Every structure is written in C-alpha cells, then in structure tokens.
PDB file of N, CA and C in Angstrom:
ATOM      1  N   MET A   1      11.143  30.034  -7.776  1.00  0.00           N
ATOM      2  CA  MET A   1      10.255  30.047  -6.164  1.00  0.00           C
ATOM      3  C   MET A   1      10.253  30.143  -5.670  1.00  0.00           C
ATOM      4  N   GLU A   2      10.062  29.781  -4.166  1.00  0.00           N
ATOM      5  CA  GLU A   2       9.276  29.723  -3.084  1.00  0.00           C
ATOM      6  C   GLU A   2       7.944  29.069  -3.190  1.00  0.00           C
ATOM      7  N   PRO A   3       7.206  28.928  -2.790  1.00  0.00           N
ATOM      8  CA  PRO A   3       6.222  28.606  -2.566  1.00  0.00           C
ATOM      9  C   PRO A   3       5.383  29.338  -0.973  1.00  0.00           C
ATOM     10  N   ILE A   4       4.576  29.792  -1.414  1.00  0.00           N
ATOM     11  CA  ILE A   4       4.148  30.943  -0.007  1.00  0.00           C
ATOM     12  C   ILE A   4       3.516  29.804   1.397  1.00  0.00           C
ATOM     13  N   LYS A   5       4.151  29.984   2.271  1.00  0.00           N
ATOM     14  CA  LYS A   5       3.661  29.283   3.329  1.00  0.00           C
ATOM     15  C   LYS A   5       2.529  30.151   3.734  1.00  0.00           C
ATOM     16  N   ASP A   6       1.655  28.982   4.636  1.00  0.00           N
ATOM     17  CA  ASP A   6      -0.020  28.702   5.178  1.00  0.00           C
ATOM     18  C   ASP A   6      -0.052  29.848   5.905  1.00  0.00           C
ATOM     19  N   ILE A   7      -0.825  30.894   5.644  1.00  0.00           N
ATOM     20  CA  ILE A   7      -0.240  32.497   7.429  1.00  0.00           C
ATOM     21  C   ILE A   7      -1.865  31.737   7.137  1.00  0.00           C
ATOM     22  N   GLY A   8      -2.440  31.376   7.672  1.00  0.00           N
ATOM     23  CA  GLY A   8      -4.101  30.935   8.459  1.00  0.00           C
ATOM     24  C   GLY A   8      -3.461  31.249   9.847  1.00  0.00           C
ATOM     25  N   ILE A   9      -4.428  31.785  10.474  1.00  0.00           N
ATOM     26  CA  ILE A   9      -4.631  32.203  11.713  1.00  0.00           C
ATOM     27  C   ILE A   9      -4.311  30.593  13.252  1.00  0.00           C
ATOM     28  N   ARG A  10      -3.807  31.078  14.280  1.00  0.00           N
ATOM     29  CA  ARG A  10      -3.886  29.943  14.340  1.00  0.00           C
ATOM     30  C   ARG A  10      -4.081  30.406  16.428  1.00  0.00           C
ATOM     31  N   ARG A  11      -4.704  29.349  16.484  1.00  0.00           N
ATOM     32  CA  ARG A  11      -4.863  29.342  17.981  1.00  0.00           C
ATOM     33  C   ARG A  11      -4.463  28.787  18.409  1.00  0.00           C
ATOM     34  N   PHE A  12      -4.975  30.016  19.834  1.00  0.00           N
ATOM     35  CA  PHE A  12      -3.907  30.302  20.726  1.00  0.00           C
ATOM     36  C   PHE A  12      -3.899  29.432  22.732  1.00  0.00           C
ATOM     37  N   GLN A  13      -4.045  29.061  23.354  1.00  0.00           N
ATOM     38  CA  GLN A  13      -4.683  28.782  24.902  1.00  0.00           C
ATOM     39  C   GLN A  13      -3.989  28.899  25.423  1.00  0.00           C
ATOM     40  N   MET A  14      -4.518  31.226  25.994  1.00  0.00           N
ATOM     41  CA  MET A  14      -3.574  31.086  26.843  1.00  0.00           C
ATOM     42  C   MET A  14      -4.545  31.869  28.194  1.00  0.00           C
ATOM     43  N   GLU A  15      -4.854  30.836  28.562  1.00  0.00           N
ATOM     44  CA  GLU A  15      -5.331  31.255  29.861  1.00  0.00           C
ATOM     45  C   GLU A  15      -4.196  29.757  30.844  1.00  0.00           C
ATOM     46  N   PRO A  16      -3.924  30.699  31.928  1.00  0.00           N
ATOM     47  CA  PRO A  16      -4.403  32.802  32.260  1.00  0.00           C
ATOM     48  C   PRO A  16      -3.142  32.840  31.036  1.00  0.00           C
ATOM     49  N   ILE A  17      -3.193  34.494  30.667  1.00  0.00           N
ATOM     50  CA  ILE A  17      -2.488  34.884  29.739  1.00  0.00           C
ATOM     51  C   ILE A  17      -0.694  35.078  30.433  1.00  0.00           C
ATOM     52  N   ASP A  18       0.141  34.334  29.759  1.00  0.00           N
ATOM     53  CA  ASP A  18       1.730  34.836  30.508  1.00  0.00           C
ATOM     54  C   ASP A  18       2.946  35.173  29.513  1.00  0.00           C
ATOM     55  N   ASP A  19       3.916  35.604  29.864  1.00  0.00           N
ATOM     56  CA  ASP A  19       4.654  36.157  29.058  1.00  0.00           C
ATOM     57  C   ASP A  19       4.568  35.233  27.708  1.00  0.00           C
ATOM     58  N   ILE A  20       5.209  33.770  28.113  1.00  0.00           N
ATOM     59  CA  ILE A  20       5.507  33.111  27.488  1.00  0.00           C
ATOM     60  C   ILE A  20       4.109  33.129  26.167  1.00  0.00           C
ATOM     61  N   GLY A  21       2.916  32.503  26.418  1.00  0.00           N
ATOM     62  CA  GLY A  21       2.275  32.886  25.639  1.00  0.00           C
ATOM     63  C   GLY A  21       1.874  34.206  24.605  1.00  0.00           C
ATOM     64  N   ILE A  22       1.499  35.208  25.294  1.00  0.00           N
ATOM     65  CA  ILE A  22       2.017  36.467  24.953  1.00  0.00           C
ATOM     66  C   ILE A  22       3.091  36.508  23.584  1.00  0.00           C
ATOM     67  N   ARG A  23       4.554  35.738  23.548  1.00  0.00           N
ATOM     68  CA  ARG A  23       6.063  35.929  22.960  1.00  0.00           C
ATOM     69  C   ARG A  23       5.332  35.567  21.892  1.00  0.00           C
ATOM     70  N   ARG A  24       4.540  33.902  22.151  1.00  0.00           N
ATOM     71  CA  ARG A  24       4.105  33.134  21.190  1.00  0.00           C
ATOM     72  C   ARG A  24       3.715  33.690  20.272  1.00  0.00           C
ATOM     73  N   PHE A  25       2.246  34.518  20.908  1.00  0.00           N
ATOM     74  CA  PHE A  25       1.328  35.333  19.753  1.00  0.00           C
ATOM     75  C   PHE A  25       1.678  35.862  18.927  1.00  0.00           C
ATOM     76  N   TRP A  26       3.270  36.836  19.885  1.00  0.00           N
ATOM     77  CA  TRP A  26       3.422  38.600  18.627  1.00  0.00           C
ATOM     78  C   TRP A  26       4.230  37.754  18.071  1.00  0.00           C
ATOM     79  N   MET A  27       5.164  36.765  18.078  1.00  0.00           N
ATOM     80  CA  MET A  27       6.135  35.674  16.580  1.00  0.00           C
ATOM     81  C   MET A  27       5.107  35.322  15.703  1.00  0.00           C
ATOM     82  N   GLU A  28       4.346  34.948  16.111  1.00  0.00           N
ATOM     83  CA  GLU A  28       3.358  34.612  14.953  1.00  0.00           C
ATOM     84  C   GLU A  28       2.747  35.465  14.109  1.00  0.00           C
ATOM     85  N   VAL A  29       2.534  36.586  14.885  1.00  0.00           N
ATOM     86  CA  VAL A  29       2.277  37.800  14.460  1.00  0.00           C
ATOM     87  C   VAL A  29       3.260  38.959  13.329  1.00  0.00           C
ATOM     88  N   LEU A  30       4.242  38.378  13.827  1.00  0.00           N
ATOM     89  CA  LEU A  30       5.663  38.848  12.909  1.00  0.00           C
ATOM     90  C   LEU A  30       5.937  38.141  12.025  1.00  0.00           C
ATOM     91  N   ASP A  31       5.079  36.411  12.428  1.00  0.00           N
ATOM     92  CA  ASP A  31       5.912  35.939  11.526  1.00  0.00           C
ATOM     93  C   ASP A  31       4.711  36.619  10.151  1.00  0.00           C
ATOM     94  N   ALA A  32       3.435  36.521  10.370  1.00  0.00           N
ATOM     95  CA  ALA A  32       2.193  36.699   9.296  1.00  0.00           C
ATOM     96  C   ALA A  32       2.730  37.941   8.620  1.00  0.00           C
ATOM     97  N   GLU A  33       3.133  38.844   8.931  1.00  0.00           N
ATOM     98  CA  GLU A  33       3.417  40.239   8.681  1.00  0.00           C
ATOM     99  C   GLU A  33       5.022  39.976   8.035  1.00  0.00           C
ATOM    100  N   ASP A  34       5.784  39.071   7.996  1.00  0.00           N
ATOM    101  CA  ASP A  34       6.816  38.938   7.227  1.00  0.00           C
ATOM    102  C   ASP A  34       6.611  37.977   5.748  1.00  0.00           C
ATOM    103  N   GLN A  35       5.156  37.038   5.512  1.00  0.00           N
ATOM    104  CA  GLN A  35       4.690  36.442   4.693  1.00  0.00           C
ATOM    105  C   GLN A  35       4.630  37.105   4.052  1.00  0.00           C
ATOM    106  N   LEU A  36       2.886  38.450   4.349  1.00  0.00           N
ATOM    107  CA  LEU A  36       2.484  39.103   3.675  1.00  0.00           C
ATOM    108  C   LEU A  36       3.600  39.533   3.405  1.00  0.00           C
ATOM    109  N   ARG A  37       4.274  40.272   3.881  1.00  0.00           N
ATOM    110  CA  ARG A  37       5.100  41.269   2.646  1.00  0.00           C
ATOM    111  C   ARG A  37       6.678  40.594   1.785  1.00  0.00           C
ATOM    112  N   THR A  38       6.300  38.760   1.602  1.00  0.00           N
ATOM    113  CA  THR A  38       6.988  38.572   0.842  1.00  0.00           C
ATOM    114  C   THR A  38       6.139  37.896  -0.301  1.00  0.00           C
ATOM    115  N   LEU A  39       4.008  37.875  -0.150  1.00  0.00           N
ATOM    116  CA  LEU A  39       3.700  37.540  -0.757  1.00  0.00           C
ATOM    117  C   LEU A  39       3.429  38.995  -2.133  1.00  0.00           C
ATOM    118  N   PHE A  40       3.731  40.060  -1.592  1.00  0.00           N
ATOM    119  CA  PHE A  40       3.245  41.454  -1.437  1.00  0.00           C
ATOM    120  C   PHE A  40       4.898  41.346  -2.889  1.00  0.00           C
ATOM    121  N   SER A  41       5.433  41.265  -2.221  1.00  0.00           N
ATOM    122  CA  SER A  41       7.222  41.212  -3.001  1.00  0.00           C
ATOM    123  C   SER A  41       6.407  40.528  -4.056  1.00  0.00           C
ATOM    124  N   LYS A  42       6.480  39.290  -3.976  1.00  0.00           N
ATOM    125  CA  LYS A  42       6.240  38.185  -4.984  1.00  0.00           C
ATOM    126  C   LYS A  42       5.276  39.012  -6.639  1.00  0.00           C
ATOM    127  N   VAL A  43       3.951  39.496  -5.605  1.00  0.00           N
ATOM    128  CA  VAL A  43       3.213  40.361  -6.607  1.00  0.00           C
ATOM    129  C   VAL A  43       3.475  41.072  -7.291  1.00  0.00           C
ATOM    130  N   LEU A  44       4.332  41.948  -7.026  1.00  0.00           N
ATOM    131  CA  LEU A  44       5.125  43.419  -7.382  1.00  0.00           C
ATOM    132  C   LEU A  44       5.661  43.367  -8.646  1.00  0.00           C
ATOM    133  N   ASP A  45       6.630  41.892  -8.036  1.00  0.00           N
ATOM    134  CA  ASP A  45       7.446  41.452  -8.944  1.00  0.00           C
ATOM    135  C   ASP A  45       6.536  40.524 -10.309  1.00  0.00           C
ATOM    136  N   ALA A  46       5.659  39.782  -9.786  1.00  0.00           N
ATOM    137  CA  ALA A  46       4.733  39.447 -11.105  1.00  0.00           C
ATOM    138  C   ALA A  46       4.005  40.773 -12.248  1.00  0.00           C
ATOM    139  N   LYS A  47       4.276  41.447 -11.638  1.00  0.00           N
ATOM    140  CA  LYS A  47       3.584  42.704 -12.283  1.00  0.00           C
ATOM    141  C   LYS A  47       4.357  43.445 -13.199  1.00  0.00           C
ATOM    142  N   ASP A  48       5.239  43.276 -12.738  1.00  0.00           N
ATOM    143  CA  ASP A  48       6.947  44.107 -13.106  1.00  0.00           C
ATOM    144  C   ASP A  48       7.604  43.192 -14.760  1.00  0.00           C
ATOM    145  N   LEU A  49       7.455  42.211 -14.450  1.00  0.00           N
ATOM    146  CA  LEU A  49       7.329  40.793 -15.308  1.00  0.00           C
ATOM    147  C   LEU A  49       6.380  40.709 -16.569  1.00  0.00           C
ATOM    148  N   LEU A  50       4.620  41.093 -15.805  1.00  0.00           N
ATOM    149  CA  LEU A  50       4.071  41.323 -17.031  1.00  0.00           C
ATOM    150  C   LEU A  50       4.824  42.162 -17.731  1.00  0.00           C
ATOM    151  N   TRP A  51       4.967  43.825 -16.880  1.00  0.00           N
ATOM    152  CA  TRP A  51       5.149  44.984 -17.609  1.00  0.00           C
ATOM    153  C   TRP A  51       6.369  44.911 -18.197  1.00  0.00           C
ATOM    154  N   THR A  52       7.116  44.196 -18.025  1.00  0.00           N
ATOM    155  CA  THR A  52       8.673  43.877 -19.122  1.00  0.00           C
ATOM    156  C   THR A  52       7.967  43.236 -20.288  1.00  0.00           C
ATOM    157  N   LEU A  53       7.121  42.356 -19.553  1.00  0.00           N
ATOM    158  CA  LEU A  53       7.028  41.489 -21.531  1.00  0.00           C
ATOM    159  C   LEU A  53       5.682  41.933 -22.338  1.00  0.00           C
ATOM    160  N   ASN A  54       5.703  43.310 -21.993  1.00  0.00           N
ATOM    161  CA  ASN A  54       4.116  44.392 -22.667  1.00  0.00           C
ATOM    162  C   ASN A  54       3.335  44.043 -22.907  1.00  0.00           C
ATOM    163  N   PHE A  55       3.123  43.077 -21.590  1.00  0.00           N
ATOM    164  CA  PHE A  55       1.161  41.876 -21.931  1.00  0.00           C
ATOM    165  C   PHE A  55       0.723  43.715 -21.398  1.00  0.00           C
ATOM    166  N   GLU A  56      -0.823  43.394 -22.378  1.00  0.00           N
ATOM    167  CA  GLU A  56      -1.301  44.179 -21.749  1.00  0.00           C
ATOM    168  C   GLU A  56      -3.147  43.183 -21.761  1.00  0.00           C
ATOM    169  N   ASP A  57      -3.891  43.935 -20.828  1.00  0.00           N
ATOM    170  CA  ASP A  57      -4.830  43.792 -19.995  1.00  0.00           C
ATOM    171  C   ASP A  57      -5.734  43.674 -20.803  1.00  0.00           C
ATOM    172  N   PRO A  58      -6.868  42.611 -21.186  1.00  0.00           N
ATOM    173  CA  PRO A  58      -7.282  42.115 -22.425  1.00  0.00           C
ATOM    174  C   PRO A  58      -8.741  42.669 -21.601  1.00  0.00           C
ATOM    175  N   ARG A  59      -9.437  43.045 -20.370  1.00  0.00           N
ATOM    176  CA  ARG A  59     -10.527  43.808 -20.624  1.00  0.00           C
ATOM    177  C   ARG A  59     -10.541  45.309 -21.401  1.00  0.00           C
ATOM    178  N   ARG A  60      -9.039  45.790 -21.495  1.00  0.00           N
ATOM    179  CA  ARG A  60      -9.190  47.086 -21.565  1.00  0.00           C
ATOM    180  C   ARG A  60      -8.588  47.222 -23.052  1.00  0.00           C
ATOM    181  N   GLN A  61      -8.913  46.399 -23.997  1.00  0.00           N
ATOM    182  CA  GLN A  61      -9.086  46.085 -25.289  1.00  0.00           C
ATOM    183  C   GLN A  61     -10.386  46.738 -26.038  1.00  0.00           C
ATOM    184  N   SER A  62     -10.205  47.517 -26.850  1.00  0.00           N
ATOM    185  CA  SER A  62     -11.321  48.281 -27.324  1.00  0.00           C
ATOM    186  C   SER A  62     -12.540  47.395 -28.511  1.00  0.00           C
TER     187      SER A  62
END
C-alpha cells in the first residue's frame, strides 16, 4: 500500500489573476480531489478487511 501524499492547501500568488494561475490552482484542486478519493477508497478497503476478519468493535461489547 502506497502512502498518502500531503493534501494540504498551498498558497498561490495570483496577482494579477491570469489563465496560468487559474489553471495551476484548478490542477491542485483536482489533485486534492483525487487524493481524497484514494484515501476514502483505502478507508473502505480497511473496513472491508476488518469485516472479513470478523472484527468486533470493543465499544459495542456488553
């Protein structure tokens, strides 16, 4: 399993706002969306693995 990349917000200097700055910003937005989808997919995979191993949440024990 590969590590999750940093998905922090980066600062852009877009003074004045130009097409290149907007494109660069939009590419960062799409990259962050892709990373979040990857992270969510890995969370679901881990949930499925725990379910397969018949893991029980200790908080649910009576």
